[in-house]
C-alpha atoms as a PDB file:
ATOM      1  CA  MET A   1      68.317  71.891 115.738  1.00  0.00           C
ATOM      2  CA  SER A   2      64.675  71.908 116.755  1.00  0.00           C
ATOM      3  CA  ARG A   3      62.924  68.770 117.904  1.00  0.00           C
ATOM      4  CA  TRP A   4      60.809  68.670 114.746  1.00  0.00           C
ATOM      5  CA  LEU A   5      63.769  69.104 112.415  1.00  0.00           C
ATOM      6  CA  MET A   6      65.589  66.341 114.254  1.00  0.00           C
ATOM      7  CA  ALA A   7      62.583  64.033 113.910  1.00  0.00           C
ATOM      8  CA  LEU A   8      62.409  64.818 110.213  1.00  0.00           C
ATOM      9  CA  ALA A   9      66.144  64.159 109.816  1.00  0.00           C
ATOM     10  CA  LEU A  10      65.737  60.790 111.525  1.00  0.00           C
ATOM     11  CA  LEU A  11      62.833  59.863 109.269  1.00  0.00           C
ATOM     12  CA  LEU A  12      64.881  60.826 106.227  1.00  0.00           C
ATOM     13  CA  PHE A  13      67.861  58.837 107.529  1.00  0.00           C
ATOM     14  CA  ALA A  14      65.720  55.749 107.933  1.00  0.00           C
ATOM     15  CA  ASN A  15      64.611  55.941 104.297  1.00  0.00           C
ATOM     16  CA  LEU A  16      67.972  56.601 102.634  1.00  0.00           C
ATOM     17  CA  PRO A  17      69.355  53.998 100.251  1.00  0.00           C
ATOM     18  CA  SER A  18      72.579  52.408 101.438  1.00  0.00           C
ATOM     19  CA  PRO A  19      74.898  53.777  98.717  1.00  0.00           C
ATOM     20  CA  PRO A  20      76.466  56.244  98.964  1.00  0.00           C
ATOM     21  CA  ALA A  21      77.815  55.488 102.431  1.00  0.00           C
ATOM     22  CA  ALA A  22      77.700  59.117 103.506  1.00  0.00           C
ATOM     23  CA  ARG A  23      76.370  62.358 102.121  1.00  0.00           C
ATOM     24  CA  ALA A  24      78.272  65.623 102.394  1.00  0.00           C
ATOM     25  CA  ALA A  25      77.604  67.708 105.485  1.00  0.00           C
ATOM     26  CA  GLY A  26      75.529  70.828 104.978  1.00  0.00           C
ATOM     27  CA  GLU A  27      76.266  74.259 106.423  1.00  0.00           C
ATOM     28  CA  ASP A  28      74.920  73.095 109.784  1.00  0.00           C
ATOM     29  CA  GLY A  29      77.453  70.227 109.875  1.00  0.00           C
ATOM     30  CA  VAL A  30      74.714  67.574 109.593  1.00  0.00           C
ATOM     31  CA  ALA A  31      75.303  64.689 107.183  1.00  0.00           C
ATOM     32  CA  PHE A  32      73.501  61.442 106.589  1.00  0.00           C
ATOM     33  CA  ILE A  33      75.451  58.186 106.901  1.00  0.00           C
ATOM     34  CA  ALA A  34      74.515  54.639 105.989  1.00  0.00           C
ATOM     35  CA  ALA A  35      74.384  51.922 108.655  1.00  0.00           C
ATOM     36  CA  ASP A  36      77.182  49.984 106.899  1.00  0.00           C
ATOM     37  CA  GLU A  37      79.484  52.991 107.213  1.00  0.00           C
ATOM     38  CA  VAL A  38      78.633  53.401 110.909  1.00  0.00           C
ATOM     39  CA  ARG A  39      79.519  49.726 111.484  1.00  0.00           C
ATOM     40  CA  ARG A  40      82.821  50.237 109.654  1.00  0.00           C
ATOM     41  CA  LEU A  41      83.650  53.339 111.699  1.00  0.00           C
ATOM     42  CA  GLN A  42      82.847  51.533 114.958  1.00  0.00           C
ATOM     43  CA  GLY A  43      85.858  49.304 114.273  1.00  0.00           C
ATOM     44  CA  THR A  44      88.307  52.226 113.994  1.00  0.00           C
ATOM     45  CA  PRO A  45      90.314  53.996 116.740  1.00  0.00           C
ATOM     46  CA  ASN A  46      88.264  57.187 116.211  1.00  0.00           C
ATOM     47  CA  ARG A  47      84.918  55.477 116.498  1.00  0.00           C
ATOM     48  CA  PRO A  48      81.900  57.778 116.539  1.00  0.00           C
ATOM     49  CA  LEU A  49      79.729  58.407 119.570  1.00  0.00           C
ATOM     50  CA  LEU A  50      76.317  56.806 119.003  1.00  0.00           C
ATOM     51  CA  VAL A  51      73.398  58.777 120.456  1.00  0.00           C
ATOM     52  CA  ASP A  52      70.095  56.932 120.670  1.00  0.00           C
ATOM     53  CA  VAL A  53      67.254  59.491 120.596  1.00  0.00           C
ATOM     54  CA  ARG A  54      64.459  57.063 121.483  1.00  0.00           C
ATOM     55  CA  THR A  55      62.652  57.118 124.811  1.00  0.00           C
ATOM     56  CA  ARG A  56      64.320  55.650 127.896  1.00  0.00           C
ATOM     57  CA  GLU A  57      61.936  52.700 127.781  1.00  0.00           C
ATOM     58  CA  GLU A  58      62.816  51.922 124.156  1.00  0.00           C
ATOM     59  CA  PHE A  59      66.509  52.286 124.935  1.00  0.00           C
ATOM     60  CA  GLU A  60      66.263  49.981 127.990  1.00  0.00           C
ATOM     61  CA  ASN A  61      64.450  47.391 125.874  1.00  0.00           C
ATOM     62  CA  ALA A  62      67.306  47.196 123.331  1.00  0.00           C
ATOM     63  CA  HIS A  63      70.165  49.413 122.208  1.00  0.00           C
ATOM     64  CA  ILE A  64      73.610  49.378 120.666  1.00  0.00           C
ATOM     65  CA  VAL A  65      76.252  48.693 123.309  1.00  0.00           C
ATOM     66  CA  GLY A  66      78.082  51.906 124.211  1.00  0.00           C
ATOM     67  CA  ALA A  67      75.367  54.224 122.896  1.00  0.00           C
ATOM     68  CA  LEU A  68      74.344  57.285 124.876  1.00  0.00           C
ATOM     69  CA  ASN A  69      70.603  57.752 125.377  1.00  0.00           C
ATOM     70  CA  ILE A  70      69.339  61.301 124.972  1.00  0.00           C
ATOM     71  CA  PRO A  71      65.597  61.102 124.197  1.00  0.00           C
ATOM     72  CA  LEU A  72      64.484  63.421 121.408  1.00  0.00           C
ATOM     73  CA  ALA A  73      62.162  65.241 123.821  1.00  0.00           C
ATOM     74  CA  GLU A  74      65.221  66.110 125.974  1.00  0.00           C
ATOM     75  CA  PHE A  75      67.675  66.682 123.164  1.00  0.00           C
ATOM     76  CA  GLU A  76      67.823  70.489 123.142  1.00  0.00           C
ATOM     77  CA  ARG A  77      68.159  70.616 126.921  1.00  0.00           C
ATOM     78  CA  ARG A  78      70.893  67.926 127.056  1.00  0.00           C
ATOM     79  CA  ALA A  79      72.834  68.720 123.867  1.00  0.00           C
ATOM     80  CA  ASP A  80      75.769  69.980 125.962  1.00  0.00           C
ATOM     81  CA  ALA A  81      76.374  66.368 127.052  1.00  0.00           C
ATOM     82  CA  ILE A  82      77.553  65.535 123.534  1.00  0.00           C
ATOM     83  CA  PRO A  83      81.308  65.970 123.033  1.00  0.00           C
ATOM     84  CA  ARG A  84      82.175  68.368 120.209  1.00  0.00           C
ATOM     85  CA  GLU A  85      85.543  66.777 119.362  1.00  0.00           C
ATOM     86  CA  ARG A  86      84.056  63.507 118.171  1.00  0.00           C
ATOM     87  CA  LEU A  87      81.959  62.366 115.231  1.00  0.00           C
ATOM     88  CA  VAL A  88      78.414  61.900 116.559  1.00  0.00           C
ATOM     89  CA  VAL A  89      75.822  59.592 114.990  1.00  0.00           C
ATOM     90  CA  LEU A  90      72.203  60.133 116.001  1.00  0.00           C
ATOM     91  CA  TYR A  91      69.793  57.269 115.552  1.00  0.00           C
END
């Protein structure tokens, strides 16, 4: 996914209403999920990997414990660092 599409997806995610908790994944495997659903999934054995796409400085200032920081500007280059066998939530 290109940097601009990812930025657009993040903007759309930020403006989604809470219900429904998740929207069906498209052909590319991308789905939108509400924050409440992410919190619920974090308490399960198969918790998703949280990937924070903000800059390093923003991440260092505050982030969700356990999140991986891959800044949006580096995302395409570092996408291989994301495990494929796990649900991944980008924020």
